[in-house]
């Protein structure tokens, strides 16, 4: 399987097909509106706008598993993203990234690109996964890695 084989929860209910992003380089990120890393939304949006015309997209997945840092519902999250950071990249429905209820996409991402010392769990919000045009996970980035630091890796895949 590759990333574009998955269906994910749409913010308004139902599902969205990641196949709609087939052939693009993707940066998949678990996001939150009340996290110390939340200002990374600005950098993620800058990457999205900078490379979108070359076949790149950021995909955001809100998660409330880390200290309750994403308490809002789909509408509150959407409003926050657009009014606070002018986000234009897709932000999907809130999901779990760890534990027995982890979204299947995240189970795949974690298995494909384990973290430090081979750990599979996501340690915090704003963990990032870079996906190549064929849907393969290329690299995992810690939450502390700023989006602008990933630009060269994105360019290499474009």
C-alpha atoms as a PDB file:
ATOM      1  CA  UNK A   1       0.000   0.000   0.000  1.00  0.00           C
ATOM      2  CA  UNK A   2       0.959   3.603  -0.421  1.00  0.00           C
ATOM      3  CA  UNK A   3      -0.438   6.816   1.038  1.00  0.00           C
ATOM      4  CA  UNK A   4      -2.751   7.506  -1.883  1.00  0.00           C
ATOM      5  CA  UNK A   5      -4.500   4.160  -1.323  1.00  0.00           C
ATOM      6  CA  UNK A   6      -6.120   5.458   1.874  1.00  0.00           C
ATOM      7  CA  UNK A   7      -9.439   7.096   2.543  1.00  0.00           C
ATOM      8  CA  UNK A   8      -9.576   9.535   5.460  1.00  0.00           C
ATOM      9  CA  UNK A   9     -12.298  11.283   7.399  1.00  0.00           C
ATOM     10  CA  UNK A  10     -13.560  14.479   5.810  1.00  0.00           C
ATOM     11  CA  UNK A  11     -14.172  17.430   8.152  1.00  0.00           C
ATOM     12  CA  UNK A  12     -17.879  17.620   7.329  1.00  0.00           C
ATOM     13  CA  UNK A  13     -18.429  13.881   7.677  1.00  0.00           C
ATOM     14  CA  UNK A  14     -17.941  11.143   5.169  1.00  0.00           C
ATOM     15  CA  UNK A  15     -14.611  10.284   3.622  1.00  0.00           C
ATOM     16  CA  UNK A  16     -12.021  11.828   1.359  1.00  0.00           C
ATOM     17  CA  UNK A  17      -9.798   9.838  -0.971  1.00  0.00           C
ATOM     18  CA  UNK A  18      -6.089  10.532  -0.850  1.00  0.00           C
ATOM     19  CA  UNK A  19      -6.035   9.203  -4.417  1.00  0.00           C
ATOM     20  CA  UNK A  20      -7.139  12.740  -5.275  1.00  0.00           C
ATOM     21  CA  UNK A  21      -3.540  13.715  -4.451  1.00  0.00           C
ATOM     22  CA  UNK A  22      -1.893  10.931  -6.477  1.00  0.00           C
ATOM     23  CA  UNK A  23       1.219  12.053  -8.316  1.00  0.00           C
ATOM     24  CA  UNK A  24       1.972  14.854  -5.852  1.00  0.00           C
ATOM     25  CA  UNK A  25       4.698  15.209  -3.281  1.00  0.00           C
ATOM     26  CA  UNK A  26       2.909  15.437   0.066  1.00  0.00           C
ATOM     27  CA  UNK A  27       3.718  16.584   3.575  1.00  0.00           C
ATOM     28  CA  UNK A  28       1.350  14.913   6.047  1.00  0.00           C
ATOM     29  CA  UNK A  29       1.188  16.613   9.453  1.00  0.00           C
ATOM     30  CA  UNK A  30      -0.806  16.051  12.642  1.00  0.00           C
ATOM     31  CA  UNK A  31      -1.819  19.564  13.686  1.00  0.00           C
ATOM     32  CA  UNK A  32      -3.368  21.324  16.685  1.00  0.00           C
ATOM     33  CA  UNK A  33      -4.567  24.854  17.393  1.00  0.00           C
ATOM     34  CA  UNK A  34      -3.386  25.174  20.995  1.00  0.00           C
ATOM     35  CA  UNK A  35       0.124  23.740  20.788  1.00  0.00           C
ATOM     36  CA  UNK A  36       3.486  25.409  21.226  1.00  0.00           C
ATOM     37  CA  UNK A  37       4.194  24.385  17.630  1.00  0.00           C
ATOM     38  CA  UNK A  38       0.937  25.875  16.271  1.00  0.00           C
ATOM     39  CA  UNK A  39       2.816  28.815  14.680  1.00  0.00           C
ATOM     40  CA  UNK A  40       4.202  26.202  12.247  1.00  0.00           C
ATOM     41  CA  UNK A  41       0.888  26.562  10.411  1.00  0.00           C
ATOM     42  CA  UNK A  42       2.421  29.689   8.837  1.00  0.00           C
ATOM     43  CA  UNK A  43       5.444  27.762   7.585  1.00  0.00           C
ATOM     44  CA  UNK A  44       3.327  24.871   6.348  1.00  0.00           C
ATOM     45  CA  UNK A  45       1.116  27.276   4.424  1.00  0.00           C
ATOM     46  CA  UNK A  46       4.196  28.993   2.965  1.00  0.00           C
ATOM     47  CA  UNK A  47       5.498  25.624   1.704  1.00  0.00           C
ATOM     48  CA  UNK A  48       2.078  24.760   0.301  1.00  0.00           C
ATOM     49  CA  UNK A  49       1.850  28.027  -1.639  1.00  0.00           C
ATOM     50  CA  UNK A  50       5.480  27.969  -2.760  1.00  0.00           C
ATOM     51  CA  UNK A  51       5.381  24.484  -4.281  1.00  0.00           C
ATOM     52  CA  UNK A  52       1.703  23.881  -5.124  1.00  0.00           C
ATOM     53  CA  UNK A  53       2.174  24.715  -8.808  1.00  0.00           C
ATOM     54  CA  UNK A  54       4.912  22.074  -8.986  1.00  0.00           C
ATOM     55  CA  UNK A  55       2.717  19.263  -7.649  1.00  0.00           C
ATOM     56  CA  UNK A  56       3.033  19.576  -3.875  1.00  0.00           C
ATOM     57  CA  UNK A  57       0.472  19.700  -1.071  1.00  0.00           C
ATOM     58  CA  UNK A  58       0.410  19.828   2.698  1.00  0.00           C
ATOM     59  CA  UNK A  59      -2.275  17.641   4.295  1.00  0.00           C
ATOM     60  CA  UNK A  60      -3.275  18.503   7.866  1.00  0.00           C
ATOM     61  CA  UNK A  61      -4.806  16.058  10.329  1.00  0.00           C
ATOM     62  CA  UNK A  62      -6.000  17.641  13.588  1.00  0.00           C
ATOM     63  CA  UNK A  63      -5.310  15.525  16.661  1.00  0.00           C
ATOM     64  CA  UNK A  64      -6.375  16.000  20.282  1.00  0.00           C
ATOM     65  CA  UNK A  65      -4.262  13.193  21.776  1.00  0.00           C
ATOM     66  CA  UNK A  66      -1.511  15.444  23.113  1.00  0.00           C
ATOM     67  CA  UNK A  67      -2.552  17.408  26.210  1.00  0.00           C
ATOM     68  CA  UNK A  68      -5.946  18.217  24.670  1.00  0.00           C
ATOM     69  CA  UNK A  69      -4.385  20.744  22.293  1.00  0.00           C
ATOM     70  CA  UNK A  70      -7.075  20.382  19.605  1.00  0.00           C
ATOM     71  CA  UNK A  71     -10.385  20.559  21.485  1.00  0.00           C
ATOM     72  CA  UNK A  72     -12.461  22.163  18.717  1.00  0.00           C
ATOM     73  CA  UNK A  73     -14.962  20.610  16.368  1.00  0.00           C
ATOM     74  CA  UNK A  74     -14.517  20.626  12.586  1.00  0.00           C
ATOM     75  CA  UNK A  75     -16.004  24.114  12.155  1.00  0.00           C
ATOM     76  CA  UNK A  76     -13.923  25.627  14.964  1.00  0.00           C
ATOM     77  CA  UNK A  77     -10.759  24.080  13.530  1.00  0.00           C
ATOM     78  CA  UNK A  78     -11.549  25.366  10.024  1.00  0.00           C
ATOM     79  CA  UNK A  79     -12.289  28.857  11.328  1.00  0.00           C
ATOM     80  CA  UNK A  80      -9.088  28.910  13.369  1.00  0.00           C
ATOM     81  CA  UNK A  81      -6.969  27.772  10.414  1.00  0.00           C
ATOM     82  CA  UNK A  82      -8.371  30.328   7.987  1.00  0.00           C
ATOM     83  CA  UNK A  83      -8.612  33.329  10.306  1.00  0.00           C
ATOM     84  CA  UNK A  84      -5.354  32.800  12.189  1.00  0.00           C
ATOM     85  CA  UNK A  85      -3.066  31.473   9.438  1.00  0.00           C
ATOM     86  CA  UNK A  86      -4.946  31.865   6.129  1.00  0.00           C
ATOM     87  CA  UNK A  87      -4.569  28.117   5.580  1.00  0.00           C
ATOM     88  CA  UNK A  88      -5.475  26.949   2.084  1.00  0.00           C
ATOM     89  CA  UNK A  89      -4.128  23.394   2.296  1.00  0.00           C
ATOM     90  CA  UNK A  90      -6.577  20.577   3.100  1.00  0.00           C
ATOM     91  CA  UNK A  91      -7.304  20.038   6.792  1.00  0.00           C
ATOM     92  CA  UNK A  92      -9.194  16.813   7.372  1.00  0.00           C
ATOM     93  CA  UNK A  93     -11.321  15.615  10.295  1.00  0.00           C
ATOM     94  CA  UNK A  94      -9.809  15.211  13.736  1.00  0.00           C
ATOM     95  CA  UNK A  95      -8.222  11.768  14.190  1.00  0.00           C
ATOM     96  CA  UNK A  96      -6.182   9.705  16.609  1.00  0.00           C
ATOM     97  CA  UNK A  97      -2.616   9.031  15.536  1.00  0.00           C
ATOM     98  CA  UNK A  98      -1.681   6.612  18.353  1.00  0.00           C
ATOM     99  CA  UNK A  99      -3.311   3.756  20.189  1.00  0.00           C
ATOM    100  CA  UNK A 100      -5.946   1.231  19.180  1.00  0.00           C
ATOM    101  CA  UNK A 101      -8.097   3.916  17.528  1.00  0.00           C
ATOM    102  CA  UNK A 102      -5.267   5.290  15.388  1.00  0.00           C
ATOM    103  CA  UNK A 103      -6.330   6.158  11.866  1.00  0.00           C
ATOM    104  CA  UNK A 104      -5.110   3.501   9.380  1.00  0.00           C
ATOM    105  CA  UNK A 105      -3.198   6.167   7.448  1.00  0.00           C
ATOM    106  CA  UNK A 106      -1.151   6.939  10.544  1.00  0.00           C
ATOM    107  CA  UNK A 107      -0.559   3.255  11.262  1.00  0.00           C
ATOM    108  CA  UNK A 108       0.931   3.057   7.760  1.00  0.00           C
ATOM    109  CA  UNK A 109       3.005   6.244   8.155  1.00  0.00           C
ATOM    110  CA  UNK A 110       4.465   5.130  11.488  1.00  0.00           C
ATOM    111  CA  UNK A 111       5.323   1.662  10.171  1.00  0.00           C
ATOM    112  CA  UNK A 112       6.936   3.120   7.044  1.00  0.00           C
ATOM    113  CA  UNK A 113       9.037   5.722   8.853  1.00  0.00           C
ATOM    114  CA  UNK A 114       9.647   4.917  12.508  1.00  0.00           C
ATOM    115  CA  UNK A 115      10.935   7.636  14.810  1.00  0.00           C
ATOM    116  CA  UNK A 116      14.048   7.773  16.937  1.00  0.00           C
ATOM    117  CA  UNK A 117      15.332   4.376  18.043  1.00  0.00           C
ATOM    118  CA  UNK A 118      12.696   2.701  15.899  1.00  0.00           C
ATOM    119  CA  UNK A 119       9.724   3.904  17.915  1.00  0.00           C
ATOM    120  CA  UNK A 120       6.481   3.932  16.000  1.00  0.00           C
ATOM    121  CA  UNK A 121       4.366   6.197  18.164  1.00  0.00           C
ATOM    122  CA  UNK A 122       3.889   9.864  17.360  1.00  0.00           C
ATOM    123  CA  UNK A 123       5.472  11.851  20.169  1.00  0.00           C
ATOM    124  CA  UNK A 124       3.634  15.170  19.716  1.00  0.00           C
ATOM    125  CA  UNK A 125       1.662  17.374  17.367  1.00  0.00           C
ATOM    126  CA  UNK A 126       3.347  18.652  14.199  1.00  0.00           C
ATOM    127  CA  UNK A 127       5.184  15.424  13.430  1.00  0.00           C
ATOM    128  CA  UNK A 128       5.653  15.511   9.657  1.00  0.00           C
ATOM    129  CA  UNK A 129       5.887  12.800   6.991  1.00  0.00           C
ATOM    130  CA  UNK A 130       7.245  13.527   3.509  1.00  0.00           C
ATOM    131  CA  UNK A 131       5.679  11.437   0.740  1.00  0.00           C
ATOM    132  CA  UNK A 132       7.057  11.099  -2.796  1.00  0.00           C
ATOM    133  CA  UNK A 133       5.028  11.255  -6.026  1.00  0.00           C
ATOM    134  CA  UNK A 134       4.435   7.507  -6.007  1.00  0.00           C
ATOM    135  CA  UNK A 135       2.881   7.641  -2.529  1.00  0.00           C
ATOM    136  CA  UNK A 136       5.860   6.204  -0.631  1.00  0.00           C
ATOM    137  CA  UNK A 137       6.882   7.596   2.744  1.00  0.00           C
ATOM    138  CA  UNK A 138      10.339   9.118   2.324  1.00  0.00           C
ATOM    139  CA  UNK A 139      11.067  10.661   5.720  1.00  0.00           C
ATOM    140  CA  UNK A 140       9.674  11.502   9.133  1.00  0.00           C
ATOM    141  CA  UNK A 141      10.414  14.822  10.845  1.00  0.00           C
ATOM    142  CA  UNK A 142      10.118  15.627  14.541  1.00  0.00           C
ATOM    143  CA  UNK A 143       7.748  18.388  15.682  1.00  0.00           C
ATOM    144  CA  UNK A 144      10.747  20.619  16.384  1.00  0.00           C
ATOM    145  CA  UNK A 145      11.748  20.615  12.701  1.00  0.00           C
ATOM    146  CA  UNK A 146      10.413  23.833  11.212  1.00  0.00           C
ATOM    147  CA  UNK A 147       8.630  23.569   7.865  1.00  0.00           C
ATOM    148  CA  UNK A 148      11.141  25.821   6.100  1.00  0.00           C
ATOM    149  CA  UNK A 149      13.882  23.325   6.986  1.00  0.00           C
ATOM    150  CA  UNK A 150      12.085  20.729   4.837  1.00  0.00           C
ATOM    151  CA  UNK A 151      12.020  22.852   1.674  1.00  0.00           C
ATOM    152  CA  UNK A 152      15.188  21.326   0.180  1.00  0.00           C
ATOM    153  CA  UNK A 153      13.899  17.800   0.680  1.00  0.00           C
ATOM    154  CA  UNK A 154      10.638  18.785  -1.033  1.00  0.00           C
ATOM    155  CA  UNK A 155      12.517  20.378  -3.945  1.00  0.00           C
ATOM    156  CA  UNK A 156      14.561  17.205  -4.399  1.00  0.00           C
ATOM    157  CA  UNK A 157      11.343  15.205  -4.862  1.00  0.00           C
ATOM    158  CA  UNK A 158       9.726  17.680  -7.223  1.00  0.00           C
END
